[in-house]
C-alpha atoms as a PDB file:
ATOM      1  CA  MET A   1     -34.738 -16.963 -92.187  1.00  0.00           C
ATOM      2  CA  VAL A   2     -32.340 -19.855 -92.774  1.00  0.00           C
ATOM      3  CA  LYS A   3     -29.381 -17.637 -91.794  1.00  0.00           C
ATOM      4  CA  LYS A   4     -31.157 -16.650 -88.569  1.00  0.00           C
ATOM      5  CA  ILE A   5     -31.880 -20.278 -87.680  1.00  0.00           C
ATOM      6  CA  LEU A   6     -28.285 -21.216 -88.517  1.00  0.00           C
ATOM      7  CA  SER A   7     -26.943 -18.355 -86.380  1.00  0.00           C
ATOM      8  CA  ILE A   8     -29.091 -19.407 -83.400  1.00  0.00           C
ATOM      9  CA  ALA A   9     -27.952 -23.007 -83.849  1.00  0.00           C
ATOM     10  CA  ILE A  10     -24.292 -21.968 -83.890  1.00  0.00           C
ATOM     11  CA  TRP A  11     -24.709 -19.869 -80.750  1.00  0.00           C
ATOM     12  CA  GLY A  12     -26.504 -22.765 -79.066  1.00  0.00           C
ATOM     13  CA  ILE A  13     -23.755 -25.234 -79.984  1.00  0.00           C
ATOM     14  CA  THR A  14     -21.072 -22.775 -78.832  1.00  0.00           C
ATOM     15  CA  ALA A  15     -22.816 -22.214 -75.485  1.00  0.00           C
ATOM     16  CA  ALA A  16     -23.232 -25.955 -74.982  1.00  0.00           C
ATOM     17  CA  ALA A  17     -19.567 -26.538 -75.815  1.00  0.00           C
ATOM     18  CA  LEU A  18     -18.493 -23.838 -73.364  1.00  0.00           C
ATOM     19  CA  ILE A  19     -20.625 -25.392 -70.626  1.00  0.00           C
ATOM     20  CA  VAL A  20     -19.097 -28.820 -71.306  1.00  0.00           C
ATOM     21  CA  LEU A  21     -15.592 -27.340 -71.230  1.00  0.00           C
ATOM     22  CA  PHE A  22     -16.375 -25.490 -67.983  1.00  0.00           C
ATOM     23  CA  VAL A  23     -17.724 -28.641 -66.330  1.00  0.00           C
ATOM     24  CA  PHE A  24     -14.734 -30.650 -67.543  1.00  0.00           C
ATOM     25  CA  ALA A  25     -12.260 -28.008 -66.322  1.00  0.00           C
ATOM     26  CA  ARG A  26     -14.000 -27.743 -62.970  1.00  0.00           C
ATOM     27  CA  GLU A  27     -14.000 -31.508 -62.452  1.00  0.00           C
ATOM     28  CA  ASN A  28     -10.364 -31.682 -63.493  1.00  0.00           C
ATOM     29  CA  TYR A  29      -9.512 -28.883 -61.018  1.00  0.00           C
ATOM     30  CA  LEU A  30     -11.444 -30.446 -58.121  1.00  0.00           C
ATOM     31  CA  ASN A  31      -9.837 -33.848 -58.681  1.00  0.00           C
ATOM     32  CA  ARG A  32      -6.290 -32.456 -58.662  1.00  0.00           C
ATOM     33  CA  PRO A  33      -4.298 -33.036 -55.439  1.00  0.00           C
ATOM     34  CA  LEU A  34      -3.489 -30.044 -53.260  1.00  0.00           C
ATOM     35  CA  GLN A  35      -0.026 -28.866 -54.313  1.00  0.00           C
ATOM     36  CA  SER A  36       1.248 -26.703 -51.456  1.00  0.00           C
ATOM     37  CA  ILE A  37       0.394 -24.358 -48.591  1.00  0.00           C
ATOM     38  CA  GLN A  38       1.368 -20.689 -48.451  1.00  0.00           C
ATOM     39  CA  LEU A  39       1.044 -18.656 -45.233  1.00  0.00           C
ATOM     40  CA  ILE A  40       0.636 -14.881 -45.500  1.00  0.00           C
ATOM     41  CA  THR A  41       0.701 -12.398 -42.624  1.00  0.00           C
ATOM     42  CA  GLU A  42       1.325  -8.679 -42.122  1.00  0.00           C
ATOM     43  CA  THR A  43       1.745  -8.908 -38.333  1.00  0.00           C
ATOM     44  CA  ASP A  44       4.590 -11.327 -37.686  1.00  0.00           C
ATOM     45  CA  THR A  45       4.981 -10.825 -33.922  1.00  0.00           C
ATOM     46  CA  GLY A  46       6.892 -14.055 -33.321  1.00  0.00           C
ATOM     47  CA  PHE A  47       4.327 -16.178 -31.488  1.00  0.00           C
ATOM     48  CA  VAL A  48       3.245 -18.170 -34.546  1.00  0.00           C
ATOM     49  CA  ARG A  49       5.772 -20.562 -36.065  1.00  0.00           C
ATOM     50  CA  LYS A  50       4.937 -20.829 -39.759  1.00  0.00           C
ATOM     51  CA  ALA A  51       6.609 -24.213 -40.149  1.00  0.00           C
ATOM     52  CA  GLU A  52       4.458 -25.683 -37.367  1.00  0.00           C
ATOM     53  CA  VAL A  53       1.224 -24.189 -38.729  1.00  0.00           C
ATOM     54  CA  ARG A  54       2.046 -25.386 -42.248  1.00  0.00           C
ATOM     55  CA  GLU A  55       2.742 -28.910 -40.947  1.00  0.00           C
ATOM     56  CA  GLU A  56      -0.535 -28.973 -38.991  1.00  0.00           C
ATOM     57  CA  LEU A  57      -2.523 -27.885 -42.050  1.00  0.00           C
ATOM     58  CA  TRP A  58      -0.713 -30.352 -44.321  1.00  0.00           C
ATOM     59  CA  GLN A  59      -1.599 -33.196 -41.958  1.00  0.00           C
ATOM     60  CA  LEU A  60      -5.199 -31.994 -42.133  1.00  0.00           C
ATOM     61  CA  CYS A  61      -5.557 -31.621 -45.897  1.00  0.00           C
ATOM     62  CA  GLY A  62      -2.310 -32.617 -47.604  1.00  0.00           C
ATOM     63  CA  ASN A  63      -2.459 -35.276 -50.338  1.00  0.00           C
ATOM     64  CA  LYS A  64      -6.206 -34.736 -50.643  1.00  0.00           C
ATOM     65  CA  SER A  65      -7.922 -33.698 -53.835  1.00  0.00           C
ATOM     66  CA  ILE A  66      -8.896 -30.022 -53.932  1.00  0.00           C
ATOM     67  CA  GLY A  67     -12.594 -30.897 -54.033  1.00  0.00           C
ATOM     68  CA  THR A  68     -12.386 -32.809 -50.732  1.00  0.00           C
ATOM     69  CA  VAL A  69     -10.509 -30.122 -48.752  1.00  0.00           C
ATOM     70  CA  ASN A  70     -12.817 -28.840 -46.012  1.00  0.00           C
ATOM     71  CA  MET A  71     -12.193 -25.096 -45.652  1.00  0.00           C
ATOM     72  CA  MET A  72     -14.250 -24.983 -42.456  1.00  0.00           C
ATOM     73  CA  HIS A  73     -11.913 -27.499 -40.824  1.00  0.00           C
ATOM     74  CA  ILE A  74      -8.939 -25.341 -41.822  1.00  0.00           C
ATOM     75  CA  GLN A  75     -10.511 -22.270 -40.214  1.00  0.00           C
ATOM     76  CA  LYS A  76     -11.289 -24.209 -37.027  1.00  0.00           C
ATOM     77  CA  GLN A  77      -7.718 -25.494 -36.886  1.00  0.00           C
ATOM     78  CA  LEU A  78      -6.364 -21.949 -37.119  1.00  0.00           C
ATOM     79  CA  ASP A  79      -8.920 -20.672 -34.601  1.00  0.00           C
ATOM     80  CA  ARG A  80      -7.449 -23.085 -32.048  1.00  0.00           C
ATOM     81  CA  ASN A  81      -4.173 -21.191 -32.168  1.00  0.00           C
ATOM     82  CA  PRO A  82      -4.424 -18.679 -29.267  1.00  0.00           C
ATOM     83  CA  TRP A  83      -2.045 -16.213 -30.933  1.00  0.00           C
ATOM     84  CA  ILE A  84      -3.980 -15.923 -34.216  1.00  0.00           C
ATOM     85  CA  ALA A  85      -6.607 -13.163 -34.146  1.00  0.00           C
ATOM     86  CA  ASP A  86      -8.224 -13.719 -37.546  1.00  0.00           C
ATOM     87  CA  ASN A  87      -7.724 -15.828 -40.652  1.00  0.00           C
ATOM     88  CA  THR A  88      -9.020 -16.410 -44.179  1.00  0.00           C
ATOM     89  CA  SER A  89      -8.039 -19.071 -46.707  1.00  0.00           C
ATOM     90  CA  TYR A  90      -8.676 -20.154 -50.284  1.00  0.00           C
ATOM     91  CA  ILE A  91      -7.187 -22.473 -52.933  1.00  0.00           C
ATOM     92  CA  ASP A  92      -5.934 -20.798 -56.097  1.00  0.00           C
ATOM     93  CA  LEU A  93      -6.002 -22.185 -59.647  1.00  0.00           C
ATOM     94  CA  GLU A  94      -2.504 -23.633 -59.222  1.00  0.00           C
ATOM     95  CA  GLY A  95      -3.697 -25.810 -56.335  1.00  0.00           C
ATOM     96  CA  THR A  96      -2.009 -23.802 -53.580  1.00  0.00           C
ATOM     97  CA  LEU A  97      -3.835 -23.333 -50.294  1.00  0.00           C
ATOM     98  CA  LYS A  98      -3.264 -19.682 -49.390  1.00  0.00           C
ATOM     99  CA  VAL A  99      -3.834 -18.816 -45.745  1.00  0.00           C
ATOM    100  CA  SER A 100      -3.864 -15.196 -44.578  1.00  0.00           C
ATOM    101  CA  TYR A 101      -3.801 -14.646 -40.842  1.00  0.00           C
ATOM    102  CA  GLU A 102      -3.357 -11.837 -38.342  1.00  0.00           C
ATOM    103  CA  GLU A 103      -1.485 -12.312 -35.086  1.00  0.00           C
ATOM    104  CA  TYR A 104      -2.410 -10.679 -31.804  1.00  0.00           C
ATOM    105  CA  GLU A 105      -0.022  -7.887 -30.839  1.00  0.00           C
ATOM    106  CA  PRO A 106       0.670  -7.890 -27.088  1.00  0.00           C
ATOM    107  CA  GLN A 107       1.095  -4.505 -25.415  1.00  0.00           C
ATOM    108  CA  PHE A 108       2.048  -5.522 -21.896  1.00  0.00           C
ATOM    109  CA  ARG A 109       2.636  -8.634 -19.810  1.00  0.00           C
ATOM    110  CA  VAL A 110       0.798  -9.229 -16.548  1.00  0.00           C
ATOM    111  CA  PHE A 111       2.244 -11.334 -13.734  1.00  0.00           C
ATOM    112  CA  GLY A 112      -0.419 -12.461 -11.264  1.00  0.00           C
ATOM    113  CA  LYS A 113      -0.159 -13.079  -7.546  1.00  0.00           C
ATOM    114  CA  ASN A 114       0.239 -16.815  -8.227  1.00  0.00           C
ATOM    115  CA  GLY A 115       3.276 -16.253 -10.447  1.00  0.00           C
ATOM    116  CA  ARG A 116       1.500 -17.036 -13.714  1.00  0.00           C
ATOM    117  CA  SER A 117       1.483 -14.512 -16.519  1.00  0.00           C
ATOM    118  CA  VAL A 118      -0.388 -13.499 -19.682  1.00  0.00           C
ATOM    119  CA  TYR A 119      -0.184 -10.811 -22.343  1.00  0.00           C
ATOM    120  CA  VAL A 120      -2.860  -8.189 -22.990  1.00  0.00           C
ATOM    121  CA  THR A 121      -3.498  -6.489 -26.336  1.00  0.00           C
ATOM    122  CA  LYS A 122      -4.623  -2.901 -26.845  1.00  0.00           C
ATOM    123  CA  GLU A 123      -8.095  -4.229 -27.711  1.00  0.00           C
ATOM    124  CA  GLY A 124      -8.359  -5.948 -24.328  1.00  0.00           C
ATOM    125  CA  VAL A 125      -7.687  -9.508 -25.483  1.00  0.00           C
ATOM    126  CA  VAL A 126      -5.778 -11.735 -23.065  1.00  0.00           C
ATOM    127  CA  ILE A 127      -3.404 -14.178 -24.755  1.00  0.00           C
ATOM    128  CA  PRO A 128      -1.175 -16.868 -23.206  1.00  0.00           C
ATOM    129  CA  THR A 129       2.605 -16.730 -23.013  1.00  0.00           C
ATOM    130  CA  SER A 130       4.821 -18.877 -25.207  1.00  0.00           C
ATOM    131  CA  ARG A 131       7.915 -20.959 -24.508  1.00  0.00           C
ATOM    132  CA  LEU A 132       9.258 -19.980 -27.919  1.00  0.00           C
ATOM    133  CA  TYR A 133       8.941 -16.205 -27.879  1.00  0.00           C
ATOM    134  CA  THR A 134       9.085 -13.393 -25.318  1.00  0.00           C
ATOM    135  CA  PRO A 135       8.351  -9.909 -26.695  1.00  0.00           C
ATOM    136  CA  TYR A 136       9.881  -6.840 -25.073  1.00  0.00           C
ATOM    137  CA  VAL A 137       6.835  -5.089 -23.591  1.00  0.00           C
ATOM    138  CA  MET A 138       5.870  -3.219 -20.435  1.00  0.00           C
ATOM    139  CA  VAL A 139       5.216  -5.339 -17.336  1.00  0.00           C
ATOM    140  CA  ALA A 140       2.351  -5.170 -14.848  1.00  0.00           C
ATOM    141  CA  SER A 141       2.401  -7.214 -11.652  1.00  0.00           C
ATOM    142  CA  GLY A 142       0.724  -7.588  -8.291  1.00  0.00           C
ATOM    143  CA  ASN A 143      -2.859  -8.298  -7.318  1.00  0.00           C
ATOM    144  CA  PHE A 144      -4.063  -9.959 -10.521  1.00  0.00           C
ATOM    145  CA  ASP A 145      -5.987 -13.217 -10.746  1.00  0.00           C
ATOM    146  CA  ILE A 146      -4.288 -15.174 -13.520  1.00  0.00           C
ATOM    147  CA  ASP A 147      -5.249 -18.762 -14.291  1.00  0.00           C
ATOM    148  CA  ASN A 148      -3.195 -21.183 -16.357  1.00  0.00           C
ATOM    149  CA  GLU A 149      -4.422 -19.630 -19.587  1.00  0.00           C
ATOM    150  CA  THR A 150      -4.098 -21.614 -22.816  1.00  0.00           C
ATOM    151  CA  GLU A 151      -6.673 -19.775 -24.938  1.00  0.00           C
ATOM    152  CA  ALA A 152      -7.256 -16.161 -25.924  1.00  0.00           C
ATOM    153  CA  TYR A 153     -10.257 -14.325 -24.478  1.00  0.00           C
ATOM    154  CA  THR A 154     -11.599 -10.775 -24.326  1.00  0.00           C
ATOM    155  CA  LEU A 155     -11.791  -8.875 -21.053  1.00  0.00           C
ATOM    156  CA  VAL A 156     -15.372  -8.259 -19.922  1.00  0.00           C
ATOM    157  CA  ASP A 157     -16.260  -5.242 -17.741  1.00  0.00           C
ATOM    158  CA  THR A 158     -18.940  -7.125 -15.829  1.00  0.00           C
ATOM    159  CA  LEU A 159     -16.554  -9.785 -14.475  1.00  0.00           C
ATOM    160  CA  GLU A 160     -14.963  -8.867 -11.147  1.00  0.00           C
ATOM    161  CA  SER A 161     -11.941 -11.067 -11.881  1.00  0.00           C
ATOM    162  CA  HIS A 162     -11.203  -8.912 -14.941  1.00  0.00           C
ATOM    163  CA  ARG A 163     -11.458  -5.560 -13.196  1.00  0.00           C
ATOM    164  CA  ASN A 164      -7.789  -5.111 -12.288  1.00  0.00           C
ATOM    165  CA  LEU A 165      -6.681  -6.282 -15.737  1.00  0.00           C
ATOM    166  CA  ILE A 166      -9.018  -3.742 -17.352  1.00  0.00           C
ATOM    167  CA  ASN A 167      -7.696  -1.005 -15.060  1.00  0.00           C
ATOM    168  CA  ALA A 168      -4.122  -2.004 -15.919  1.00  0.00           C
ATOM    169  CA  LEU A 169      -5.016  -1.673 -19.606  1.00  0.00           C
ATOM    170  CA  THR A 170      -6.459   1.794 -18.925  1.00  0.00           C
ATOM    171  CA  TRP A 171      -3.232   2.824 -17.219  1.00  0.00           C
ATOM    172  CA  PHE A 172      -1.157   1.399 -20.051  1.00  0.00           C
ATOM    173  CA  LYS A 173      -3.089   3.448 -22.633  1.00  0.00           C
ATOM    174  CA  ALA A 174      -2.778   6.602 -20.517  1.00  0.00           C
ATOM    175  CA  ILE A 175       0.978   6.069 -20.139  1.00  0.00           C
ATOM    176  CA  GLU A 176       1.397   5.397 -23.852  1.00  0.00           C
ATOM    177  CA  ALA A 177      -0.448   8.634 -24.681  1.00  0.00           C
ATOM    178  CA  ASN A 178       2.095  10.713 -22.718  1.00  0.00           C
ATOM    179  CA  ASP A 179       5.464  10.534 -24.487  1.00  0.00           C
ATOM    180  CA  PHE A 180       7.486  11.799 -21.523  1.00  0.00           C
ATOM    181  CA  ILE A 181       5.917   9.382 -19.040  1.00  0.00           C
ATOM    182  CA  ASN A 182       6.016   6.525 -21.539  1.00  0.00           C
ATOM    183  CA  ASN A 183       9.796   6.871 -21.714  1.00  0.00           C
ATOM    184  CA  SER A 184      10.058   6.984 -17.925  1.00  0.00           C
ATOM    185  CA  VAL A 185       7.734   4.256 -16.614  1.00  0.00           C
ATOM    186  CA  GLY A 186       9.177   0.771 -16.361  1.00  0.00           C
ATOM    187  CA  GLN A 187       6.417  -1.149 -14.635  1.00  0.00           C
ATOM    188  CA  ILE A 188       2.806  -0.993 -13.437  1.00  0.00           C
ATOM    189  CA  TYR A 189       1.999  -2.475 -10.036  1.00  0.00           C
ATOM    190  CA  CYS A 190      -1.371  -3.237  -8.421  1.00  0.00           C
ATOM    191  CA  ASN A 191      -1.154  -3.462  -4.627  1.00  0.00           C
ATOM    192  CA  SER A 192      -3.330  -5.456  -2.223  1.00  0.00           C
ATOM    193  CA  LEU A 193      -5.803  -2.544  -1.988  1.00  0.00           C
ATOM    194  CA  ASN A 194      -6.240  -2.627  -5.794  1.00  0.00           C
ATOM    195  CA  GLU A 195      -4.488   0.734  -6.054  1.00  0.00           C
ATOM    196  CA  PHE A 196      -1.983   1.216  -8.839  1.00  0.00           C
ATOM    197  CA  GLU A 197       1.623   2.288  -8.498  1.00  0.00           C
ATOM    198  CA  LEU A 198       4.278   3.004 -11.111  1.00  0.00           C
ATOM    199  CA  THR A 199       7.973   2.210 -11.188  1.00  0.00           C
ATOM    200  CA  VAL A 200       9.579   5.328 -12.646  1.00  0.00           C
ATOM    201  CA  LYS A 201      13.110   5.716 -13.962  1.00  0.00           C
ATOM    202  CA  ASP A 202      15.431   7.768 -11.725  1.00  0.00           C
ATOM    203  CA  ILE A 203      12.837   7.822  -8.925  1.00  0.00           C
ATOM    204  CA  GLY A 204      13.291   5.352  -6.087  1.00  0.00           C
ATOM    205  CA  ALA A 205      10.040   6.358  -4.391  1.00  0.00           C
ATOM    206  CA  ARG A 206       6.706   4.606  -4.747  1.00  0.00           C
ATOM    207  CA  VAL A 207       4.675   6.569  -7.289  1.00  0.00           C
ATOM    208  CA  ILE A 208       1.071   6.034  -6.231  1.00  0.00           C
ATOM    209  CA  VAL A 209      -1.569   6.817  -8.870  1.00  0.00           C
ATOM    210  CA  GLY A 210      -4.521   4.948  -7.311  1.00  0.00           C
ATOM    211  CA  ASP A 211      -7.537   4.191  -9.467  1.00  0.00           C
ATOM    212  CA  THR A 212      -7.999   5.090 -13.127  1.00  0.00           C
ATOM    213  CA  CYS A 213     -10.032   8.222 -12.438  1.00  0.00           C
ATOM    214  CA  LEU A 214      -8.357  11.238 -14.118  1.00  0.00           C
ATOM    215  CA  ALA A 215      -5.488   9.002 -15.232  1.00  0.00           C
ATOM    216  CA  ALA A 216      -4.188  11.440 -17.864  1.00  0.00           C
ATOM    217  CA  ASP A 217      -4.280  14.339 -15.389  1.00  0.00           C
ATOM    218  CA  LYS A 218      -2.335  12.356 -12.788  1.00  0.00           C
ATOM    219  CA  LEU A 219       0.354  11.499 -15.299  1.00  0.00           C
ATOM    220  CA  LYS A 220       0.585  15.113 -16.434  1.00  0.00           C
ATOM    221  CA  ARG A 221       1.153  16.184 -12.834  1.00  0.00           C
ATOM    222  CA  LEU A 222       3.833  13.510 -12.525  1.00  0.00           C
ATOM    223  CA  GLU A 223       5.494  14.824 -15.686  1.00  0.00           C
ATOM    224  CA  ILE A 224       5.556  18.385 -14.312  1.00  0.00           C
ATOM    225  CA  PHE A 225       6.913  17.138 -10.977  1.00  0.00           C
ATOM    226  CA  MET A 226       9.722  15.164 -12.636  1.00  0.00           C
ATOM    227  CA  LYS A 227      10.750  18.113 -14.801  1.00  0.00           C
ATOM    228  CA  GLN A 228      10.823  20.511 -11.846  1.00  0.00           C
ATOM    229  CA  CYS A 229      12.189  18.299  -9.072  1.00  0.00           C
ATOM    230  CA  PRO A 230      15.948  17.467  -9.128  1.00  0.00           C
ATOM    231  CA  ASN A 231      16.786  13.749  -9.232  1.00  0.00           C
ATOM    232  CA  ALA A 232      18.805  13.964  -6.032  1.00  0.00           C
ATOM    233  CA  GLU A 233      15.810  15.321  -4.140  1.00  0.00           C
ATOM    234  CA  SER A 234      13.332  12.801  -5.579  1.00  0.00           C
ATOM    235  CA  LYS A 235      15.615   9.905  -4.602  1.00  0.00           C
ATOM    236  CA  ASN A 236      15.248  10.907  -0.942  1.00  0.00           C
ATOM    237  CA  MET A 237      11.479  10.516  -1.092  1.00  0.00           C
ATOM    238  CA  LYS A 238       9.629   7.445   0.157  1.00  0.00           C
ATOM    239  CA  SER A 239       6.430   7.993  -1.809  1.00  0.00           C
ATOM    240  CA  ILE A 240       4.897  10.347  -4.350  1.00  0.00           C
ATOM    241  CA  ASN A 241       1.115  10.230  -4.234  1.00  0.00           C
ATOM    242  CA  LEU A 242      -0.936  11.620  -7.118  1.00  0.00           C
ATOM    243  CA  ASN A 243      -4.207  10.174  -5.870  1.00  0.00           C
ATOM    244  CA  TYR A 244      -5.500  13.589  -4.809  1.00  0.00           C
ATOM    245  CA  LYS A 245      -7.091  16.123  -7.121  1.00  0.00           C
ATOM    246  CA  ASN A 246      -4.705  18.928  -8.175  1.00  0.00           C
ATOM    247  CA  GLN A 247      -2.129  17.808  -5.590  1.00  0.00           C
ATOM    248  CA  ILE A 248       1.066  15.844  -5.266  1.00  0.00           C
ATOM    249  CA  VAL A 249       1.668  14.518  -1.751  1.00  0.00           C
ATOM    250  CA  CYS A 250       5.253  13.447  -1.039  1.00  0.00           C
ATOM    251  CA  THR A 251       6.771  11.743   1.999  1.00  0.00           C
ATOM    252  CA  LYS A 252      10.493  11.610   2.741  1.00  0.00           C
ATOM    253  CA  ARG A 253      12.448   8.554   3.820  1.00  0.00           C
END
C-alpha cells in the first residue's frame, strides 16, 4: 500500500515538474527575439524579389519577441503582393520565421487598346506587369479593355469587360494543346469585331479564327493547311479564314 502511494506521489511530482519545465520553456521561447527570416518557394518566376519581401517582413516583425509576432499581419502583407498566389508561414524552434509562397505563373501578356498591358495565368488570374521582370510569353493584343491594374484578380464569365480576355485564354489553351500550331503561332489578335486572328510564322496572311467555337478543330485545319500548302503560295494570300465549319476560305493579294 505504501509502495503504491509512493509510486503515485512520484508520478505526480514528475508530471508537475514536466509541466513547470514546459511552461518555463514556452515562456523562454516566446520571449526570445525573432532571429531571421527565410523565404521558400518552388515557383521562382522572377516577379518577386526576395530581398524586398524579406525587408518588408523584417520591418513588420523584426526585433520583436516571438510571442508578439502577429502571423495574420504577415499573411496580409504577403497577400498585398500581386504576384504571390498563396503563402504560409511559421516560426521554428530556432526563432526563424519561415515563409513559403507560390508565385503566379503568367502564360501570355495582353496589350489593350489603350496601350496598357497585363499577364494572364492558365487559371484565369490577371496579374499586373512589373518594371523589374518581363517573362518571355505569348502576346495577345487588340480590342481588350485593360485598366491600370495593380492587383491580381480572377476573370469572371459574367462580366462583359472580361469576355475577350476569357476568349483569349481559351485560344491560348487550344494553341498550347496543338504542338505544331504552338510552335508556329507568334501572337493572338482581337479585332474591332471581337473576332480573333493569329499571327503565324512563315504566313504573311491574316489567319482569321473568329470566336472560340470549335477552337481545336479550327487549329487542326490550319495545321493540315500549313503542311500541305507551300510557303511561297501561302505568302501570296491576303487572308486565311477558318471561321467556317469544315472549310478554309482563302483570298489572294
